[in-house]
Amino acid sequence: GGLVQAGGSLRLSCTASGSIFGINVMGWYRQAPG
């Protein structure tokens, strides 16, 4: 994550660990203030 100007780009990464055998769907959600 970070700060970027409109029109710019960012790449998010998420790494899973632990008891991960069998994971099928992974996804991204977001929550804006309010």
Full PDB file with SEQRES, HELIX, SHEET, SSBOND, CRYST1, ORIGX, SCALE, CONECT and MASTER records, all heavy atoms in Angstrom:
SEQRES   1 A   34  GLY GLY LEU VAL GLN ALA GLY GLY SER LEU ARG LEU SER          
SEQRES   2 A   34  CYS THR ALA SER GLY SER ILE PHE GLY ILE ASN VAL MET          
SEQRES   3 A   34  GLY TRP TYR ARG GLN ALA PRO GLY                              
CRYST1    1.000    1.000    1.000  90.00  90.00  90.00 P 1           1          
ORIGX1      1.000000  0.000000  0.000000        0.00000                         
ORIGX2      0.000000  1.000000  0.000000        0.00000                         
ORIGX3      0.000000  0.000000  1.000000        0.00000                         
SCALE1      1.000000  0.000000  0.000000        0.00000                         
SCALE2      0.000000  1.000000  0.000000        0.00000                         
SCALE3      0.000000  0.000000  1.000000        0.00000                         
ATOM      1  N   GLY A   1       0.819  -1.204   0.000  1.00  0.00           N  
ATOM      2  CA  GLY A   1       0.000   0.000   0.000  1.00  0.00           C  
ATOM      3  C   GLY A   1       0.852   1.252   0.000  1.00  0.00           C  
ATOM      4  O   GLY A   1       2.078   1.202   0.064  1.00  0.00           O  
ATOM      5  N   GLY A   2       0.188   2.405  -0.075  1.00  0.00           N  
ATOM      6  CA  GLY A   2       0.910   3.656  -0.042  1.00  0.00           C  
ATOM      7  C   GLY A   2       0.087   4.798  -0.578  1.00  0.00           C  
ATOM      8  O   GLY A   2      -1.128   4.690  -0.755  1.00  0.00           O  
ATOM      9  N   LEU A   3       0.778   5.909  -0.833  1.00  0.00           N  
ATOM     10  CA  LEU A   3       0.159   7.122  -1.353  1.00  0.00           C  
ATOM     11  C   LEU A   3       0.548   7.277  -2.816  1.00  0.00           C  
ATOM     12  O   LEU A   3       1.730   7.178  -3.167  1.00  0.00           O  
ATOM     13  CB  LEU A   3       0.644   8.332  -0.551  1.00  0.00           C  
ATOM     14  CG  LEU A   3       0.235   9.720  -1.059  1.00  0.00           C  
ATOM     15  CD1 LEU A   3      -1.279   9.884  -0.997  1.00  0.00           C  
ATOM     16  CD2 LEU A   3       0.941  10.785  -0.236  1.00  0.00           C  
ATOM     17  N   VAL A   4      -0.448   7.541  -3.643  1.00  0.00           N  
ATOM     18  CA  VAL A   4      -0.203   7.693  -5.075  1.00  0.00           C  
ATOM     19  C   VAL A   4      -1.145   8.747  -5.624  1.00  0.00           C  
ATOM     20  O   VAL A   4      -2.241   8.954  -5.084  1.00  0.00           O  
ATOM     21  CB  VAL A   4      -0.393   6.335  -5.800  1.00  0.00           C  
ATOM     22  CG1 VAL A   4      -1.837   5.869  -5.714  1.00  0.00           C  
ATOM     23  CG2 VAL A   4       0.094   6.395  -7.232  1.00  0.00           C  
ATOM     24  N   GLN A   5      -0.727   9.406  -6.681  1.00  0.00           N  
ATOM     25  CA  GLN A   5      -1.587  10.385  -7.319  1.00  0.00           C  
ATOM     26  C   GLN A   5      -2.614   9.700  -8.213  1.00  0.00           C  
ATOM     27  O   GLN A   5      -2.391   8.580  -8.700  1.00  0.00           O  
ATOM     28  CB  GLN A   5      -0.757  11.357  -8.146  1.00  0.00           C  
ATOM     29  CG  GLN A   5       0.064  12.329  -7.317  1.00  0.00           C  
ATOM     30  CD  GLN A   5       0.719  13.404  -8.160  1.00  0.00           C  
ATOM     31  OE1 GLN A   5       1.005  13.173  -9.338  1.00  0.00           O  
ATOM     32  NE2 GLN A   5       0.943  14.566  -7.578  1.00  0.00           N  
ATOM     33  N   ALA A   6      -3.715  10.375  -8.441  1.00  0.00           N  
ATOM     34  CA  ALA A   6      -4.740   9.844  -9.344  1.00  0.00           C  
ATOM     35  C   ALA A   6      -4.115   9.525 -10.701  1.00  0.00           C  
ATOM     36  O   ALA A   6      -3.299  10.296 -11.218  1.00  0.00           O  
ATOM     37  CB  ALA A   6      -5.868  10.842  -9.503  1.00  0.00           C  
ATOM     38  N   GLY A   7      -4.505   8.380 -11.239  1.00  0.00           N  
ATOM     39  CA  GLY A   7      -3.938   7.909 -12.491  1.00  0.00           C  
ATOM     40  C   GLY A   7      -2.739   7.007 -12.317  1.00  0.00           C  
ATOM     41  O   GLY A   7      -2.287   6.374 -13.272  1.00  0.00           O  
ATOM     42  N   GLY A   8      -2.226   6.931 -11.109  1.00  0.00           N  
ATOM     43  CA  GLY A   8      -1.061   6.105 -10.834  1.00  0.00           C  
ATOM     44  C   GLY A   8      -1.404   4.650 -10.592  1.00  0.00           C  
ATOM     45  O   GLY A   8      -2.561   4.232 -10.731  1.00  0.00           O  
ATOM     46  N   SER A   9      -0.373   3.886 -10.228  1.00  0.00           N  
ATOM     47  CA  SER A   9      -0.521   2.443 -10.036  1.00  0.00           C  
ATOM     48  C   SER A   9       0.124   2.005  -8.726  1.00  0.00           C  
ATOM     49  O   SER A   9       1.078   2.634  -8.244  1.00  0.00           O  
ATOM     50  CB  SER A   9       0.151   1.680 -11.191  1.00  0.00           C  
ATOM     51  OG  SER A   9      -0.434   1.996 -12.430  1.00  0.00           O  
ATOM     52  N   LEU A  10      -0.405   0.942  -8.187  1.00  0.00           N  
ATOM     53  CA  LEU A  10       0.174   0.256  -7.034  1.00  0.00           C  
ATOM     54  C   LEU A  10      -0.052  -1.232  -7.203  1.00  0.00           C  
ATOM     55  O   LEU A  10      -1.018  -1.641  -7.862  1.00  0.00           O  
ATOM     56  CB  LEU A  10      -0.478   0.705  -5.724  1.00  0.00           C  
ATOM     57  CG  LEU A  10      -0.116   2.068  -5.145  1.00  0.00           C  
ATOM     58  CD1 LEU A  10      -1.005   2.366  -3.937  1.00  0.00           C  
ATOM     59  CD2 LEU A  10       1.349   2.119  -4.736  1.00  0.00           C  
ATOM     60  N   ARG A  11       0.815  -2.033  -6.585  1.00  0.00           N  
ATOM     61  CA  ARG A  11       0.600  -3.467  -6.554  1.00  0.00           C  
ATOM     62  C   ARG A  11       0.627  -3.946  -5.117  1.00  0.00           C  
ATOM     63  O   ARG A  11       1.592  -3.717  -4.395  1.00  0.00           O  
ATOM     64  CB  ARG A  11       1.646  -4.226  -7.375  1.00  0.00           C  
ATOM     65  CG  ARG A  11       1.302  -5.703  -7.512  1.00  0.00           C  
ATOM     66  CD  ARG A  11       2.236  -6.454  -8.428  1.00  0.00           C  
ATOM     67  NE  ARG A  11       3.398  -6.982  -7.729  1.00  0.00           N  
ATOM     68  CZ  ARG A  11       4.032  -8.101  -8.061  1.00  0.00           C  
ATOM     69  NH1 ARG A  11       3.597  -8.820  -9.087  1.00  0.00           N  
ATOM     70  NH2 ARG A  11       5.103  -8.488  -7.406  1.00  0.00           N  
ATOM     71  N   LEU A  12      -0.438  -4.611  -4.726  1.00  0.00           N  
ATOM     72  CA  LEU A  12      -0.539  -5.199  -3.398  1.00  0.00           C  
ATOM     73  C   LEU A  12      -0.184  -6.679  -3.465  1.00  0.00           C  
ATOM     74  O   LEU A  12      -0.463  -7.344  -4.458  1.00  0.00           O  
ATOM     75  CB  LEU A  12      -1.957  -5.044  -2.848  1.00  0.00           C  
ATOM     76  CG  LEU A  12      -2.553  -3.641  -2.834  1.00  0.00           C  
ATOM     77  CD1 LEU A  12      -3.941  -3.681  -2.198  1.00  0.00           C  
ATOM     78  CD2 LEU A  12      -1.663  -2.673  -2.109  1.00  0.00           C  
ATOM     79  N   SER A  13       0.420  -7.159  -2.374  1.00  0.00           N  
ATOM     80  CA  SER A  13       0.748  -8.576  -2.262  1.00  0.00           C  
ATOM     81  C   SER A  13       0.206  -9.109  -0.952  1.00  0.00           C  
ATOM     82  O   SER A  13       0.120  -8.376   0.035  1.00  0.00           O  
ATOM     83  CB  SER A  13       2.267  -8.786  -2.288  1.00  0.00           C  
ATOM     84  OG  SER A  13       2.833  -8.311  -3.486  1.00  0.00           O  
ATOM     85  N   CYS A  14      -0.146 -10.373  -0.950  1.00  0.00           N  
ATOM     86  CA  CYS A  14      -0.629 -11.028   0.266  1.00  0.00           C  
ATOM     87  C   CYS A  14      -0.116 -12.463   0.262  1.00  0.00           C  
ATOM     88  O   CYS A  14      -0.410 -13.225  -0.672  1.00  0.00           O  
ATOM     89  CB  CYS A  14      -2.145 -11.008   0.316  1.00  0.00           C  
ATOM     90  SG  CYS A  14      -2.857 -12.031   1.631  1.00  0.00           S  
ATOM     91  N   THR A  15       0.621 -12.809   1.297  1.00  0.00           N  
ATOM     92  CA  THR A  15       1.174 -14.154   1.412  1.00  0.00           C  
ATOM     93  C   THR A  15       0.505 -14.903   2.546  1.00  0.00           C  
ATOM     94  O   THR A  15       0.388 -14.376   3.659  1.00  0.00           O  
ATOM     95  CB  THR A  15       2.687 -14.106   1.635  1.00  0.00           C  
ATOM     96  OG1 THR A  15       3.301 -13.462   0.509  1.00  0.00           O  
ATOM     97  CG2 THR A  15       3.267 -15.496   1.777  1.00  0.00           C  
ATOM     98  N   ALA A  16       0.070 -16.104   2.248  1.00  0.00           N  
ATOM     99  CA  ALA A  16      -0.576 -16.959   3.237  1.00  0.00           C  
ATOM    100  C   ALA A  16       0.424 -17.933   3.829  1.00  0.00           C  
ATOM    101  O   ALA A  16       1.293 -18.455   3.125  1.00  0.00           O  
ATOM    102  CB  ALA A  16      -1.736 -17.721   2.590  1.00  0.00           C  
ATOM    103  N   SER A  17       0.274 -18.210   5.118  1.00  0.00           N  
ATOM    104  CA  SER A  17       1.121 -19.195   5.786  1.00  0.00           C  
ATOM    105  C   SER A  17       0.286 -19.923   6.832  1.00  0.00           C  
ATOM    106  O   SER A  17      -0.839 -19.530   7.141  1.00  0.00           O  
ATOM    107  CB  SER A  17       2.334 -18.533   6.433  1.00  0.00           C  
ATOM    108  OG  SER A  17       1.924 -17.604   7.422  1.00  0.00           O  
ATOM    109  N   GLY A  18       0.860 -20.981   7.379  1.00  0.00           N  
ATOM    110  CA  GLY A  18       0.136 -21.769   8.367  1.00  0.00           C  
ATOM    111  C   GLY A  18      -0.517 -22.988   7.724  1.00  0.00           C  
ATOM    112  O   GLY A  18       0.034 -23.587   6.816  1.00  0.00           O  
ATOM    113  N   SER A  19      -1.706 -23.318   8.164  1.00  0.00           N  
ATOM    114  CA  SER A  19      -2.423 -24.495   7.660  1.00  0.00           C  
ATOM    115  C   SER A  19      -3.165 -24.134   6.382  1.00  0.00           C  
ATOM    116  O   SER A  19      -4.374 -23.950   6.366  1.00  0.00           O  
ATOM    117  CB  SER A  19      -3.391 -25.009   8.717  1.00  0.00           C  
ATOM    118  OG  SER A  19      -2.718 -25.319   9.911  1.00  0.00           O  
ATOM    119  N   ILE A  20      -2.432 -24.026   5.287  1.00  0.00           N  
ATOM    120  CA  ILE A  20      -2.987 -23.481   4.056  1.00  0.00           C  
ATOM    121  C   ILE A  20      -3.400 -24.544   3.048  1.00  0.00           C  
ATOM    122  O   ILE A  20      -3.946 -24.210   1.998  1.00  0.00           O  
ATOM    123  CB  ILE A  20      -1.989 -22.517   3.394  1.00  0.00           C  
ATOM    124  CG1 ILE A  20      -0.675 -23.248   3.095  1.00  0.00           C  
ATOM    125  CG2 ILE A  20      -1.753 -21.305   4.276  1.00  0.00           C  
ATOM    126  CD1 ILE A  20       0.320 -22.405   2.347  1.00  0.00           C  
ATOM    127  N   PHE A  21      -3.165 -25.813   3.372  1.00  0.00           N  
ATOM    128  CA  PHE A  21      -3.560 -26.861   2.427  1.00  0.00           C  
ATOM    129  C   PHE A  21      -5.070 -26.846   2.250  1.00  0.00           C  
ATOM    130  O   PHE A  21      -5.814 -26.860   3.214  1.00  0.00           O  
ATOM    131  CB  PHE A  21      -3.118 -28.234   2.932  1.00  0.00           C  
ATOM    132  CG  PHE A  21      -3.476 -29.340   1.975  1.00  0.00           C  
ATOM    133  CD1 PHE A  21      -2.703 -29.563   0.854  1.00  0.00           C  
ATOM    134  CD2 PHE A  21      -4.588 -30.140   2.189  1.00  0.00           C  
ATOM    135  CE1 PHE A  21      -3.024 -30.577  -0.036  1.00  0.00           C  
ATOM    136  CE2 PHE A  21      -4.918 -31.157   1.311  1.00  0.00           C  
ATOM    137  CZ  PHE A  21      -4.133 -31.378   0.193  1.00  0.00           C  
ATOM    138  N   GLY A  22      -5.501 -26.771   1.004  1.00  0.00           N  
ATOM    139  CA  GLY A  22      -6.932 -26.791   0.723  1.00  0.00           C  
ATOM    140  C   GLY A  22      -7.522 -25.430   0.424  1.00  0.00           C  
ATOM    141  O   GLY A  22      -8.698 -25.326   0.073  1.00  0.00           O  
ATOM    142  N   ILE A  23      -6.720 -24.373   0.561  1.00  0.00           N  
ATOM    143  CA  ILE A  23      -7.238 -23.049   0.227  1.00  0.00           C  
ATOM    144  C   ILE A  23      -7.551 -22.982  -1.251  1.00  0.00           C  
ATOM    145  O   ILE A  23      -6.731 -23.346  -2.084  1.00  0.00           O  
ATOM    146  CB  ILE A  23      -6.234 -21.953   0.617  1.00  0.00           C  
ATOM    147  CG1 ILE A  23      -6.232 -21.755   2.127  1.00  0.00           C  
ATOM    148  CG2 ILE A  23      -6.594 -20.638  -0.077  1.00  0.00           C  
ATOM    149  CD1 ILE A  23      -5.255 -20.711   2.596  1.00  0.00           C  
ATOM    150  N   ASN A  24      -8.746 -22.514  -1.591  1.00  0.00           N  
ATOM    151  CA  ASN A  24      -9.131 -22.363  -2.984  1.00  0.00           C  
ATOM    152  C   ASN A  24      -9.207 -20.878  -3.349  1.00  0.00           C  
ATOM    153  O   ASN A  24      -8.365 -20.362  -4.059  1.00  0.00           O  
ATOM    154  CB  ASN A  24     -10.476 -23.047  -3.249  1.00  0.00           C  
ATOM    155  CG  ASN A  24     -10.894 -22.927  -4.701  1.00  0.00           C  
ATOM    156  OD1 ASN A  24     -10.086 -22.681  -5.586  1.00  0.00           O  
ATOM    157  ND2 ASN A  24     -12.181 -23.122  -4.958  1.00  0.00           N  
ATOM    158  N   VAL A  25     -10.185 -20.185  -2.822  1.00  0.00           N  
ATOM    159  CA  VAL A  25     -10.390 -18.792  -3.205  1.00  0.00           C  
ATOM    160  C   VAL A  25      -9.582 -17.855  -2.303  1.00  0.00           C  
ATOM    161  O   VAL A  25      -9.575 -17.996  -1.082  1.00  0.00           O  
ATOM    162  CB  VAL A  25     -11.880 -18.415  -3.117  1.00  0.00           C  
ATOM    163  CG1 VAL A  25     -12.092 -16.964  -3.518  1.00  0.00           C  
ATOM    164  CG2 VAL A  25     -12.707 -19.344  -3.992  1.00  0.00           C  
ATOM    165  N   MET A  26      -8.913 -16.918  -2.937  1.00  0.00           N  
ATOM    166  CA  MET A  26      -8.272 -15.804  -2.221  1.00  0.00           C  
ATOM    167  C   MET A  26      -8.781 -14.516  -2.840  1.00  0.00           C  
ATOM    168  O   MET A  26      -9.137 -14.480  -4.028  1.00  0.00           O  
ATOM    169  CB  MET A  26      -6.754 -15.888  -2.316  1.00  0.00           C  
ATOM    170  CG  MET A  26      -6.175 -17.122  -1.662  1.00  0.00           C  
ATOM    171  SD  MET A  26      -4.376 -17.126  -1.594  1.00  0.00           S  
ATOM    172  CE  MET A  26      -4.085 -15.913  -0.287  1.00  0.00           C  
ATOM    173  N   GLY A  27      -8.832 -13.482  -2.043  1.00  0.00           N  
ATOM    174  CA  GLY A  27      -9.398 -12.261  -2.574  1.00  0.00           C  
ATOM    175  C   GLY A  27      -8.955 -11.017  -1.846  1.00  0.00           C  
ATOM    176  O   GLY A  27      -8.239 -11.083  -0.837  1.00  0.00           O  
ATOM    177  N   TRP A  28      -9.385  -9.905  -2.391  1.00  0.00           N  
ATOM    178  CA  TRP A  28      -9.128  -8.594  -1.802  1.00  0.00           C  
ATOM    179  C   TRP A  28     -10.457  -7.888  -1.559  1.00  0.00           C  
ATOM    180  O   TRP A  28     -11.360  -7.926  -2.411  1.00  0.00           O  
ATOM    181  CB  TRP A  28      -8.279  -7.745  -2.750  1.00  0.00           C  
ATOM    182  CG  TRP A  28      -6.871  -8.222  -2.884  1.00  0.00           C  
ATOM    183  CD1 TRP A  28      -6.380  -9.054  -3.839  1.00  0.00           C  
ATOM    184  CD2 TRP A  28      -5.782  -7.900  -2.015  1.00  0.00           C  
ATOM    185  NE1 TRP A  28      -5.037  -9.268  -3.629  1.00  0.00           N  
ATOM    186  CE2 TRP A  28      -4.649  -8.577  -2.527  1.00  0.00           C  
ATOM    187  CE3 TRP A  28      -5.643  -7.112  -0.877  1.00  0.00           C  
ATOM    188  CZ2 TRP A  28      -3.389  -8.479  -1.919  1.00  0.00           C  
ATOM    189  CZ3 TRP A  28      -4.394  -7.022  -0.280  1.00  0.00           C  
ATOM    190  CH2 TRP A  28      -3.291  -7.698  -0.791  1.00  0.00           C  
ATOM    191  N   TYR A  29     -10.546  -7.276  -0.391  1.00  0.00           N  
ATOM    192  CA  TYR A  29     -11.670  -6.434  -0.029  1.00  0.00           C  
ATOM    193  C   TYR A  29     -11.109  -5.075   0.369  1.00  0.00           C  
ATOM    194  O   TYR A  29      -9.916  -4.934   0.621  1.00  0.00           O  
ATOM    195  CB  TYR A  29     -12.440  -7.035   1.151  1.00  0.00           C  
ATOM    196  CG  TYR A  29     -13.226  -8.268   0.797  1.00  0.00           C  
ATOM    197  CD1 TYR A  29     -12.593  -9.477   0.512  1.00  0.00           C  
ATOM    198  CD2 TYR A  29     -14.619  -8.250   0.759  1.00  0.00           C  
ATOM    199  CE1 TYR A  29     -13.316 -10.613   0.180  1.00  0.00           C  
ATOM    200  CE2 TYR A  29     -15.352  -9.384   0.441  1.00  0.00           C  
ATOM    201  CZ  TYR A  29     -14.692 -10.560   0.157  1.00  0.00           C  
ATOM    202  OH  TYR A  29     -15.415 -11.682  -0.170  1.00  0.00           O  
ATOM    203  N   ARG A  30     -11.972  -4.091   0.443  1.00  0.00           N  
ATOM    204  CA  ARG A  30     -11.524  -2.773   0.893  1.00  0.00           C  
ATOM    205  C   ARG A  30     -12.610  -2.107   1.720  1.00  0.00           C  
ATOM    206  O   ARG A  30     -13.794  -2.392   1.573  1.00  0.00           O  
ATOM    207  CB  ARG A  30     -11.144  -1.885  -0.292  1.00  0.00           C  
ATOM    208  CG  ARG A  30     -12.304  -1.484  -1.195  1.00  0.00           C  
ATOM    209  CD  ARG A  30     -11.784  -0.745  -2.420  1.00  0.00           C  
ATOM    210  NE  ARG A  30     -12.861  -0.315  -3.300  1.00  0.00           N  
ATOM    211  CZ  ARG A  30     -12.677   0.256  -4.487  1.00  0.00           C  
ATOM    212  NH1 ARG A  30     -11.444   0.465  -4.946  1.00  0.00           N  
ATOM    213  NH2 ARG A  30     -13.718   0.620  -5.216  1.00  0.00           N  
ATOM    214  N   GLN A  31     -12.155  -1.213   2.591  1.00  0.00           N  
ATOM    215  CA  GLN A  31     -13.082  -0.475   3.440  1.00  0.00           C  
ATOM    216  C   GLN A  31     -12.631   0.977   3.505  1.00  0.00           C  
ATOM    217  O   GLN A  31     -11.536   1.269   4.004  1.00  0.00           O  
ATOM    218  CB  GLN A  31     -13.158  -1.078   4.839  1.00  0.00           C  
ATOM    219  CG  GLN A  31     -14.230  -0.463   5.702  1.00  0.00           C  
ATOM    220  CD  GLN A  31     -14.499  -1.277   6.957  1.00  0.00           C  
ATOM    221  OE1 GLN A  31     -13.696  -2.114   7.366  1.00  0.00           O  
ATOM    222  NE2 GLN A  31     -15.656  -1.054   7.558  1.00  0.00           N  
ATOM    223  N   ALA A  32     -13.474   1.849   2.985  1.00  0.00           N  
ATOM    224  CA  ALA A  32     -13.224   3.285   3.042  1.00  0.00           C  
ATOM    225  C   ALA A  32     -13.827   3.845   4.326  1.00  0.00           C  
ATOM    226  O   ALA A  32     -14.743   3.246   4.906  1.00  0.00           O  
ATOM    227  CB  ALA A  32     -13.837   3.964   1.827  1.00  0.00           C  
ATOM    228  N   PRO A  33     -13.339   4.984   4.798  1.00  0.00           N  
ATOM    229  CA  PRO A  33     -13.877   5.575   6.028  1.00  0.00           C  
ATOM    230  C   PRO A  33     -15.388   5.779   5.948  1.00  0.00           C  
ATOM    231  O   PRO A  33     -15.906   6.333   4.969  1.00  0.00           O  
ATOM    232  CB  PRO A  33     -13.143   6.914   6.113  1.00  0.00           C  
ATOM    233  CG  PRO A  33     -11.877   6.705   5.373  1.00  0.00           C  
ATOM    234  CD  PRO A  33     -12.212   5.778   4.256  1.00  0.00           C  
ATOM    235  N   GLY A  34     -16.089   5.303   6.954  1.00  0.00           N  
ATOM    236  CA  GLY A  34     -17.529   5.474   7.016  1.00  0.00           C  
ATOM    237  C   GLY A  34     -18.327   4.553   6.125  1.00  0.00           C  
ATOM    238  O   GLY A  34     -19.551   4.683   6.034  1.00  0.00           O  
TER     239      GLY A  34                                                      
MASTER        0    0    0    0    0    0    0    6  238    1    0    3          
END                                                                             
